[in-house]
């Protein structure tokens, strides 16, 4: 594995850990308060985290090209951010 491959694995691992932490905290806050926007926020961060994980697995294990891995990640990040934006909209309503 090249140094860039190692760096990608390290960064994807950090994203997985941080994203999982944010998702878990949002879920706990939702369970404590019952606020629907916190549930949706957790789902949004979960999708973003899943995108990073899926793209990393696709590239490192399934030998998907780096470009396709970036595309997978970008699509899921965009969907996740749309969900996060929706959760903020719910808070206003």
PDB file of N, CA and C in Angstrom:
ATOM      1  N   UNK A   1       0.850  -1.175   0.000  1.00  0.00           N
ATOM      2  CA  UNK A   1       0.000   0.000   0.000  1.00  0.00           C
ATOM      3  C   UNK A   1       0.898   1.241   0.000  1.00  0.00           C
ATOM      4  N   UNK A   2       0.511   2.196  -0.815  1.00  0.00           N
ATOM      5  CA  UNK A   2       1.271   3.440  -0.898  1.00  0.00           C
ATOM      6  C   UNK A   2       0.964   4.321   0.315  1.00  0.00           C
ATOM      7  N   UNK A   3       1.736   5.387   0.464  1.00  0.00           N
ATOM      8  CA  UNK A   3       1.495   6.283   1.591  1.00  0.00           C
ATOM      9  C   UNK A   3       0.134   6.959   1.467  1.00  0.00           C
ATOM     10  N   UNK A   4      -0.317   7.215   0.227  1.00  0.00           N
ATOM     11  CA  UNK A   4      -1.641   7.815   0.067  1.00  0.00           C
ATOM     12  C   UNK A   4      -2.741   6.828   0.454  1.00  0.00           C
ATOM     13  N   UNK A   5      -2.531   5.558   0.139  1.00  0.00           N
ATOM     14  CA  UNK A   5      -3.491   4.532   0.553  1.00  0.00           C
ATOM     15  C   UNK A   5      -3.578   4.442   2.063  1.00  0.00           C
ATOM     16  N   UNK A   6      -2.436   4.507   2.726  1.00  0.00           N
ATOM     17  CA  UNK A   6      -2.406   4.483   4.194  1.00  0.00           C
ATOM     18  C   UNK A   6      -3.074   5.727   4.766  1.00  0.00           C
ATOM     19  N   UNK A   7      -2.826   6.872   4.150  1.00  0.00           N
ATOM     20  CA  UNK A   7      -3.442   8.117   4.613  1.00  0.00           C
ATOM     21  C   UNK A   7      -4.958   8.068   4.450  1.00  0.00           C
ATOM     22  N   UNK A   8      -5.432   7.514   3.334  1.00  0.00           N
ATOM     23  CA  UNK A   8      -6.874   7.387   3.105  1.00  0.00           C
ATOM     24  C   UNK A   8      -7.501   6.516   4.185  1.00  0.00           C
ATOM     25  N   UNK A   9      -6.871   5.387   4.496  1.00  0.00           N
ATOM     26  CA  UNK A   9      -7.391   4.501   5.541  1.00  0.00           C
ATOM     27  C   UNK A   9      -7.421   5.227   6.884  1.00  0.00           C
ATOM     28  N   UNK A  10      -6.368   5.969   7.192  1.00  0.00           N
ATOM     29  CA  UNK A  10      -6.312   6.694   8.469  1.00  0.00           C
ATOM     30  C   UNK A  10      -7.412   7.753   8.552  1.00  0.00           C
ATOM     31  N   UNK A  11      -7.591   8.525   7.487  1.00  0.00           N
ATOM     32  CA  UNK A  11      -8.604   9.583   7.490  1.00  0.00           C
ATOM     33  C   UNK A  11     -10.004   8.983   7.522  1.00  0.00           C
ATOM     34  N   UNK A  12     -10.239   7.925   6.766  1.00  0.00           N
ATOM     35  CA  UNK A  12     -11.559   7.277   6.783  1.00  0.00           C
ATOM     36  C   UNK A  12     -11.860   6.706   8.164  1.00  0.00           C
ATOM     37  N   UNK A  13     -10.846   6.195   8.842  1.00  0.00           N
ATOM     38  CA  UNK A  13     -11.028   5.680  10.207  1.00  0.00           C
ATOM     39  C   UNK A  13     -11.399   6.817  11.152  1.00  0.00           C
ATOM     40  N   UNK A  14     -10.722   7.948  11.025  1.00  0.00           N
ATOM     41  CA  UNK A  14     -11.045   9.112  11.859  1.00  0.00           C
ATOM     42  C   UNK A  14     -12.470   9.580  11.586  1.00  0.00           C
ATOM     43  N   UNK A  15     -12.872   9.625  10.315  1.00  0.00           N
ATOM     44  CA  UNK A  15     -14.234  10.026   9.956  1.00  0.00           C
ATOM     45  C   UNK A  15     -15.246   9.049  10.549  1.00  0.00           C
ATOM     46  N   UNK A  16     -14.937   7.766  10.477  1.00  0.00           N
ATOM     47  CA  UNK A  16     -15.834   6.750  11.036  1.00  0.00           C
ATOM     48  C   UNK A  16     -16.004   6.942  12.539  1.00  0.00           C
ATOM     49  N   UNK A  17     -14.916   7.156  13.249  1.00  0.00           N
ATOM     50  CA  UNK A  17     -14.984   7.336  14.697  1.00  0.00           C
ATOM     51  C   UNK A  17     -15.710   8.625  15.080  1.00  0.00           C
ATOM     52  N   UNK A  18     -15.345   9.725  14.437  1.00  0.00           N
ATOM     53  CA  UNK A  18     -15.980  11.008  14.751  1.00  0.00           C
ATOM     54  C   UNK A  18     -17.456  11.027  14.349  1.00  0.00           C
ATOM     55  N   UNK A  19     -17.748  10.538  13.167  1.00  0.00           N
ATOM     56  CA  UNK A  19     -19.132  10.500  12.701  1.00  0.00           C
ATOM     57  C   UNK A  19     -20.002   9.597  13.550  1.00  0.00           C
ATOM     58  N   UNK A  20     -19.445   8.465  13.964  1.00  0.00           N
ATOM     59  CA  UNK A  20     -20.190   7.561  14.846  1.00  0.00           C
ATOM     60  C   UNK A  20     -20.459   8.226  16.189  1.00  0.00           C
ATOM     61  N   UNK A  21     -19.482   8.968  16.692  1.00  0.00           N
ATOM     62  CA  UNK A  21     -19.665   9.679  17.952  1.00  0.00           C
ATOM     63  C   UNK A  21     -20.764  10.723  17.853  1.00  0.00           C
ATOM     64  N   UNK A  22     -20.763  11.502  16.785  1.00  0.00           N
ATOM     65  CA  UNK A  22     -21.792  12.519  16.588  1.00  0.00           C
ATOM     66  C   UNK A  22     -23.168  11.867  16.445  1.00  0.00           C
ATOM     67  N   UNK A  23     -23.227  10.789  15.671  1.00  0.00           N
ATOM     68  CA  UNK A  23     -24.491  10.077  15.476  1.00  0.00           C
ATOM     69  C   UNK A  23     -25.019   9.542  16.797  1.00  0.00           C
ATOM     70  N   UNK A  24     -24.142   8.962  17.595  1.00  0.00           N
ATOM     71  CA  UNK A  24     -24.538   8.408  18.891  1.00  0.00           C
ATOM     72  C   UNK A  24     -25.031   9.498  19.843  1.00  0.00           C
ATOM     73  N   UNK A  25     -24.326  10.611  19.890  1.00  0.00           N
ATOM     74  CA  UNK A  25     -24.735  11.716  20.771  1.00  0.00           C
ATOM     75  C   UNK A  25     -26.086  12.282  20.332  1.00  0.00           C
ATOM     76  N   UNK A  26     -26.293  12.425  19.033  1.00  0.00           N
ATOM     77  CA  UNK A  26     -27.583  12.912  18.537  1.00  0.00           C
ATOM     78  C   UNK A  26     -28.697  11.925  18.885  1.00  0.00           C
ATOM     79  N   UNK A  27     -28.413  10.632  18.771  1.00  0.00           N
ATOM     80  CA  UNK A  27     -29.400   9.610  19.114  1.00  0.00           C
ATOM     81  C   UNK A  27     -29.749   9.660  20.602  1.00  0.00           C
ATOM     82  N   UNK A  28     -28.732   9.797  21.444  1.00  0.00           N
ATOM     83  CA  UNK A  28     -28.978   9.886  22.894  1.00  0.00           C
ATOM     84  C   UNK A  28     -29.794  11.134  23.237  1.00  0.00           C
ATOM     85  N   UNK A  29     -29.473  12.235  22.570  1.00  0.00           N
ATOM     86  CA  UNK A  29     -30.225  13.468  22.812  1.00  0.00           C
ATOM     87  C   UNK A  29     -31.679  13.298  22.369  1.00  0.00           C
ATOM     88  N   UNK A  30     -31.886  12.615  21.251  1.00  0.00           N
ATOM     89  CA  UNK A  30     -33.245  12.345  20.790  1.00  0.00           C
ATOM     90  C   UNK A  30     -33.990  11.471  21.794  1.00  0.00           C
ATOM     91  N   UNK A  31     -33.345  10.429  22.289  1.00  0.00           N
ATOM     92  CA  UNK A  31     -33.996   9.534  23.255  1.00  0.00           C
ATOM     93  C   UNK A  31     -34.352  10.278  24.551  1.00  0.00           C
ATOM     94  N   UNK A  32     -33.505  11.206  24.935  1.00  0.00           N
ATOM     95  CA  UNK A  32     -33.732  11.952  26.174  1.00  0.00           C
ATOM     96  C   UNK A  32     -34.855  12.985  26.016  1.00  0.00           C
ATOM     97  N   UNK A  33     -34.898  13.648  24.847  1.00  0.00           N
ATOM     98  CA  UNK A  33     -35.845  14.745  24.663  1.00  0.00           C
ATOM     99  C   UNK A  33     -37.049  14.386  23.796  1.00  0.00           C
ATOM    100  N   UNK A  34     -36.882  13.403  22.926  1.00  0.00           N
ATOM    101  CA  UNK A  34     -37.958  13.057  22.003  1.00  0.00           C
ATOM    102  C   UNK A  34     -38.120  14.037  20.857  1.00  0.00           C
ATOM    103  N   UNK A  35     -37.157  14.921  20.684  1.00  0.00           N
ATOM    104  CA  UNK A  35     -37.219  15.942  19.634  1.00  0.00           C
ATOM    105  C   UNK A  35     -36.954  15.313  18.262  1.00  0.00           C
ATOM    106  N   UNK A  36     -37.932  15.375  17.352  1.00  0.00           N
ATOM    107  CA  UNK A  36     -37.758  14.751  16.036  1.00  0.00           C
ATOM    108  C   UNK A  36     -36.551  15.286  15.254  1.00  0.00           C
ATOM    109  N   UNK A  37     -36.242  16.567  15.419  1.00  0.00           N
ATOM    110  CA  UNK A  37     -35.116  17.135  14.667  1.00  0.00           C
ATOM    111  C   UNK A  37     -33.793  16.477  15.074  1.00  0.00           C
ATOM    112  N   UNK A  38     -33.666  16.071  16.326  1.00  0.00           N
ATOM    113  CA  UNK A  38     -32.438  15.389  16.755  1.00  0.00           C
ATOM    114  C   UNK A  38     -32.341  13.996  16.155  1.00  0.00           C
ATOM    115  N   UNK A  39     -33.482  13.335  15.993  1.00  0.00           N
ATOM    116  CA  UNK A  39     -33.484  12.022  15.343  1.00  0.00           C
ATOM    117  C   UNK A  39     -33.037  12.163  13.896  1.00  0.00           C
ATOM    118  N   UNK A  40     -33.589  13.138  13.199  1.00  0.00           N
ATOM    119  CA  UNK A  40     -33.233  13.367  11.800  1.00  0.00           C
ATOM    120  C   UNK A  40     -31.772  13.801  11.687  1.00  0.00           C
ATOM    121  N   UNK A  41     -31.305  14.615  12.615  1.00  0.00           N
ATOM    122  CA  UNK A  41     -29.899  15.028  12.627  1.00  0.00           C
ATOM    123  C   UNK A  41     -28.981  13.811  12.749  1.00  0.00           C
ATOM    124  N   UNK A  42     -29.313  12.905  13.646  1.00  0.00           N
ATOM    125  CA  UNK A  42     -28.531  11.682  13.805  1.00  0.00           C
ATOM    126  C   UNK A  42     -28.523  10.849  12.541  1.00  0.00           C
ATOM    127  N   UNK A  43     -29.670  10.751  11.888  1.00  0.00           N
ATOM    128  CA  UNK A  43     -29.739  10.003  10.629  1.00  0.00           C
ATOM    129  C   UNK A  43     -28.845  10.655   9.577  1.00  0.00           C
ATOM    130  N   UNK A  44     -28.874  11.980   9.492  1.00  0.00           N
ATOM    131  CA  UNK A  44     -28.039  12.689   8.514  1.00  0.00           C
ATOM    132  C   UNK A  44     -26.560  12.431   8.731  1.00  0.00           C
ATOM    133  N   UNK A  45     -26.113  12.541   9.970  1.00  0.00           N
ATOM    134  CA  UNK A  45     -24.699  12.266  10.244  1.00  0.00           C
ATOM    135  C   UNK A  45     -24.378  10.792  10.054  1.00  0.00           C
ATOM    136  N   UNK A  46     -25.339   9.929  10.316  1.00  0.00           N
ATOM    137  CA  UNK A  46     -25.135   8.503  10.054  1.00  0.00           C
ATOM    138  C   UNK A  46     -24.926   8.218   8.574  1.00  0.00           C
ATOM    139  N   UNK A  47     -25.696   8.880   7.727  1.00  0.00           N
ATOM    140  CA  UNK A  47     -25.549   8.706   6.276  1.00  0.00           C
ATOM    141  C   UNK A  47     -24.186   9.213   5.820  1.00  0.00           C
ATOM    142  N   UNK A  48     -23.768  10.372   6.333  1.00  0.00           N
ATOM    143  CA  UNK A  48     -22.449  10.910   5.975  1.00  0.00           C
ATOM    144  C   UNK A  48     -21.346   9.940   6.394  1.00  0.00           C
ATOM    145  N   UNK A  49     -21.446   9.428   7.604  1.00  0.00           N
ATOM    146  CA  UNK A  49     -20.447   8.486   8.114  1.00  0.00           C
ATOM    147  C   UNK A  49     -20.448   7.202   7.296  1.00  0.00           C
ATOM    148  N   UNK A  50     -21.635   6.702   6.975  1.00  0.00           N
ATOM    149  CA  UNK A  50     -21.751   5.491   6.165  1.00  0.00           C
ATOM    150  C   UNK A  50     -21.129   5.706   4.791  1.00  0.00           C
ATOM    151  N   UNK A  51     -21.295   6.902   4.230  1.00  0.00           N
ATOM    152  CA  UNK A  51     -20.699   7.200   2.926  1.00  0.00           C
ATOM    153  C   UNK A  51     -19.189   7.090   2.951  1.00  0.00           C
ATOM    154  N   UNK A  52     -18.580   7.611   3.996  1.00  0.00           N
ATOM    155  CA  UNK A  52     -17.123   7.518   4.119  1.00  0.00           C
ATOM    156  C   UNK A  52     -16.693   6.065   4.283  1.00  0.00           C
ATOM    157  N   UNK A  53     -17.431   5.322   5.095  1.00  0.00           N
ATOM    158  CA  UNK A  53     -17.107   3.908   5.301  1.00  0.00           C
ATOM    159  C   UNK A  53     -17.278   3.112   4.012  1.00  0.00           C
ATOM    160  N   UNK A  54     -18.395   3.309   3.332  1.00  0.00           N
ATOM    161  CA  UNK A  54     -18.663   2.568   2.102  1.00  0.00           C
ATOM    162  C   UNK A  54     -17.639   2.883   1.018  1.00  0.00           C
ATOM    163  N   UNK A  55     -17.284   4.148   0.882  1.00  0.00           N
ATOM    164  CA  UNK A  55     -16.290   4.531  -0.127  1.00  0.00           C
ATOM    165  C   UNK A  55     -14.934   3.916   0.188  1.00  0.00           C
ATOM    166  N   UNK A  56     -14.564   3.903   1.463  1.00  0.00           N
ATOM    167  CA  UNK A  56     -13.294   3.295   1.854  1.00  0.00           C
ATOM    168  C   UNK A  56     -13.268   1.802   1.599  1.00  0.00           C
ATOM    169  N   UNK A  57     -14.357   1.128   1.935  1.00  0.00           N
ATOM    170  CA  UNK A  57     -14.435  -0.318   1.684  1.00  0.00           C
ATOM    171  C   UNK A  57     -14.412  -0.601   0.190  1.00  0.00           C
ATOM    172  N   UNK A  58     -15.167   0.192  -0.566  1.00  0.00           N
ATOM    173  CA  UNK A  58     -15.215  -0.010  -2.011  1.00  0.00           C
ATOM    174  C   UNK A  58     -13.830   0.120  -2.634  1.00  0.00           C
ATOM    175  N   UNK A  59     -13.075   1.114  -2.188  1.00  0.00           N
ATOM    176  CA  UNK A  59     -11.754   1.350  -2.773  1.00  0.00           C
ATOM    177  C   UNK A  59     -10.718   0.344  -2.276  1.00  0.00           C
ATOM    178  N   UNK A  60     -10.664   0.107  -0.971  1.00  0.00           N
ATOM    179  CA  UNK A  60      -9.606  -0.722  -0.402  1.00  0.00           C
ATOM    180  C   UNK A  60      -9.859  -2.223  -0.546  1.00  0.00           C
ATOM    181  N   UNK A  61     -11.090  -2.649  -0.397  1.00  0.00           N
ATOM    182  CA  UNK A  61     -11.374  -4.092  -0.388  1.00  0.00           C
ATOM    183  C   UNK A  61     -11.935  -4.577  -1.719  1.00  0.00           C
ATOM    184  N   UNK A  62     -12.823  -3.805  -2.315  1.00  0.00           N
ATOM    185  CA  UNK A  62     -13.480  -4.235  -3.553  1.00  0.00           C
ATOM    186  C   UNK A  62     -12.764  -3.750  -4.815  1.00  0.00           C
ATOM    187  N   UNK A  63     -11.667  -3.046  -4.646  1.00  0.00           N
ATOM    188  CA  UNK A  63     -10.847  -2.552  -5.761  1.00  0.00           C
ATOM    189  C   UNK A  63     -11.614  -1.650  -6.729  1.00  0.00           C
ATOM    190  N   UNK A  64     -12.551  -0.888  -6.187  1.00  0.00           N
ATOM    191  CA  UNK A  64     -13.236   0.118  -6.994  1.00  0.00           C
ATOM    192  C   UNK A  64     -12.249   1.264  -7.195  1.00  0.00           C
ATOM    193  N   UNK A  65     -12.303   1.891  -8.357  1.00  0.00           N
ATOM    194  CA  UNK A  65     -11.360   2.972  -8.632  1.00  0.00           C
ATOM    195  C   UNK A  65     -11.549   4.106  -7.617  1.00  0.00           C
ATOM    196  N   UNK A  66     -10.487   4.870  -7.424  1.00  0.00           N
ATOM    197  CA  UNK A  66     -10.534   5.998  -6.494  1.00  0.00           C
ATOM    198  C   UNK A  66     -11.614   6.995  -6.911  1.00  0.00           C
ATOM    199  N   UNK A  67     -11.740   7.220  -8.211  1.00  0.00           N
ATOM    200  CA  UNK A  67     -12.746   8.170  -8.698  1.00  0.00           C
ATOM    201  C   UNK A  67     -14.156   7.709  -8.346  1.00  0.00           C
ATOM    202  N   UNK A  68     -14.450   6.435  -8.523  1.00  0.00           N
ATOM    203  CA  UNK A  68     -15.779   5.925  -8.184  1.00  0.00           C
ATOM    204  C   UNK A  68     -15.996   5.947  -6.675  1.00  0.00           C
ATOM    205  N   UNK A  69     -14.948   5.688  -5.903  1.00  0.00           N
ATOM    206  CA  UNK A  69     -15.052   5.775  -4.451  1.00  0.00           C
ATOM    207  C   UNK A  69     -15.364   7.184  -4.001  1.00  0.00           C
ATOM    208  N   UNK A  70     -14.712   8.164  -4.613  1.00  0.00           N
ATOM    209  CA  UNK A  70     -14.980   9.566  -4.296  1.00  0.00           C
ATOM    210  C   UNK A  70     -16.417   9.919  -4.683  1.00  0.00           C
ATOM    211  N   UNK A  71     -16.886   9.404  -5.821  1.00  0.00           N
ATOM    212  CA  UNK A  71     -18.258   9.661  -6.247  1.00  0.00           C
ATOM    213  C   UNK A  71     -19.259   9.082  -5.250  1.00  0.00           C
ATOM    214  N   UNK A  72     -19.048   7.849  -4.818  1.00  0.00           N
ATOM    215  CA  UNK A  72     -19.924   7.215  -3.817  1.00  0.00           C
ATOM    216  C   UNK A  72     -19.956   8.068  -2.556  1.00  0.00           C
ATOM    217  N   UNK A  73     -18.775   8.437  -2.078  1.00  0.00           N
ATOM    218  CA  UNK A  73     -18.681   9.251  -0.868  1.00  0.00           C
ATOM    219  C   UNK A  73     -19.395  10.587  -1.051  1.00  0.00           C
ATOM    220  N   UNK A  74     -19.177  11.242  -2.178  1.00  0.00           N
ATOM    221  CA  UNK A  74     -19.767  12.558  -2.428  1.00  0.00           C
ATOM    222  C   UNK A  74     -21.284  12.502  -2.486  1.00  0.00           C
ATOM    223  N   UNK A  75     -21.828  11.470  -3.110  1.00  0.00           N
ATOM    224  CA  UNK A  75     -23.285  11.324  -3.196  1.00  0.00           C
ATOM    225  C   UNK A  75     -23.872  11.164  -1.793  1.00  0.00           C
ATOM    226  N   UNK A  76     -23.271  10.297  -0.981  1.00  0.00           N
ATOM    227  CA  UNK A  76     -23.810  10.061   0.353  1.00  0.00           C
ATOM    228  C   UNK A  76     -23.589  11.259   1.280  1.00  0.00           C
ATOM    229  N   UNK A  77     -22.501  11.983   1.104  1.00  0.00           N
ATOM    230  CA  UNK A  77     -22.299  13.210   1.889  1.00  0.00           C
ATOM    231  C   UNK A  77     -23.365  14.241   1.508  1.00  0.00           C
ATOM    232  N   UNK A  78     -23.646  14.377   0.221  1.00  0.00           N
ATOM    233  CA  UNK A  78     -24.675  15.330  -0.216  1.00  0.00           C
ATOM    234  C   UNK A  78     -26.042  14.950   0.354  1.00  0.00           C
ATOM    235  N   UNK A  79     -26.384  13.671   0.320  1.00  0.00           N
ATOM    236  CA  UNK A  79     -27.657  13.215   0.885  1.00  0.00           C
ATOM    237  C   UNK A  79     -27.676  13.474   2.387  1.00  0.00           C
ATOM    238  N   UNK A  80     -26.583  13.138   3.064  1.00  0.00           N
ATOM    239  CA  UNK A  80     -26.497  13.358   4.506  1.00  0.00           C
ATOM    240  C   UNK A  80     -26.627  14.820   4.878  1.00  0.00           C
ATOM    241  N   UNK A  81     -25.984  15.687   4.124  1.00  0.00           N
ATOM    242  CA  UNK A  81     -26.077  17.127   4.409  1.00  0.00           C
ATOM    243  C   UNK A  81     -27.490  17.643   4.154  1.00  0.00           C
ATOM    244  N   UNK A  82     -28.153  17.103   3.134  1.00  0.00           N
ATOM    245  CA  UNK A  82     -29.552  17.487   2.892  1.00  0.00           C
ATOM    246  C   UNK A  82     -30.422  17.075   4.078  1.00  0.00           C
ATOM    247  N   UNK A  83     -30.154  15.914   4.650  1.00  0.00           N
ATOM    248  CA  UNK A  83     -30.906  15.454   5.820  1.00  0.00           C
ATOM    249  C   UNK A  83     -30.604  16.344   7.027  1.00  0.00           C
ATOM    250  N   UNK A  84     -29.334  16.713   7.220  1.00  0.00           N
ATOM    251  CA  UNK A  84     -28.970  17.621   8.315  1.00  0.00           C
ATOM    252  C   UNK A  84     -29.681  18.964   8.135  1.00  0.00           C
ATOM    253  N   UNK A  85     -29.679  19.477   6.922  1.00  0.00           N
ATOM    254  CA  UNK A  85     -30.378  20.733   6.648  1.00  0.00           C
ATOM    255  C   UNK A  85     -31.863  20.605   6.976  1.00  0.00           C
ATOM    256  N   UNK A  86     -32.471  19.503   6.604  1.00  0.00           N
ATOM    257  CA  UNK A  86     -33.874  19.262   6.916  1.00  0.00           C
ATOM    258  C   UNK A  86     -34.098  19.226   8.422  1.00  0.00           C
ATOM    259  N   UNK A  87     -33.161  18.618   9.163  1.00  0.00           N
ATOM    260  CA  UNK A  87     -33.308  18.562  10.621  1.00  0.00           C
ATOM    261  C   UNK A  87     -33.292  19.968  11.220  1.00  0.00           C
ATOM    262  N   UNK A  88     -32.496  20.849  10.656  1.00  0.00           N
ATOM    263  CA  UNK A  88     -32.465  22.231  11.129  1.00  0.00           C
ATOM    264  C   UNK A  88     -33.764  22.959  10.775  1.00  0.00           C
ATOM    265  N   UNK A  89     -34.321  22.618   9.644  1.00  0.00           N
ATOM    266  CA  UNK A  89     -35.603  23.194   9.240  1.00  0.00           C
ATOM    267  C   UNK A  89     -36.709  22.733  10.183  1.00  0.00           C
ATOM    268  N   UNK A  90     -36.672  21.453  10.585  1.00  0.00           N
ATOM    269  CA  UNK A  90     -37.661  20.923  11.520  1.00  0.00           C
ATOM    270  C   UNK A  90     -37.633  21.692  12.844  1.00  0.00           C
ATOM    271  N   UNK A  91     -36.432  22.050  13.269  1.00  0.00           N
ATOM    272  CA  UNK A  91     -36.286  22.769  14.533  1.00  0.00           C
ATOM    273  C   UNK A  91     -36.999  24.114  14.486  1.00  0.00           C
ATOM    274  N   UNK A  92     -36.994  24.736  13.320  1.00  0.00           N
ATOM    275  CA  UNK A  92     -37.657  26.039  13.173  1.00  0.00           C
ATOM    276  C   UNK A  92     -39.162  25.902  13.202  1.00  0.00           C
ATOM    277  N   UNK A  93     -39.669  24.778  12.642  1.00  0.00           N
ATOM    278  CA  UNK A  93     -41.115  24.624  12.461  1.00  0.00           C
ATOM    279  C   UNK A  93     -41.833  24.208  13.650  1.00  0.00           C
TER     280      UNK A  93
END
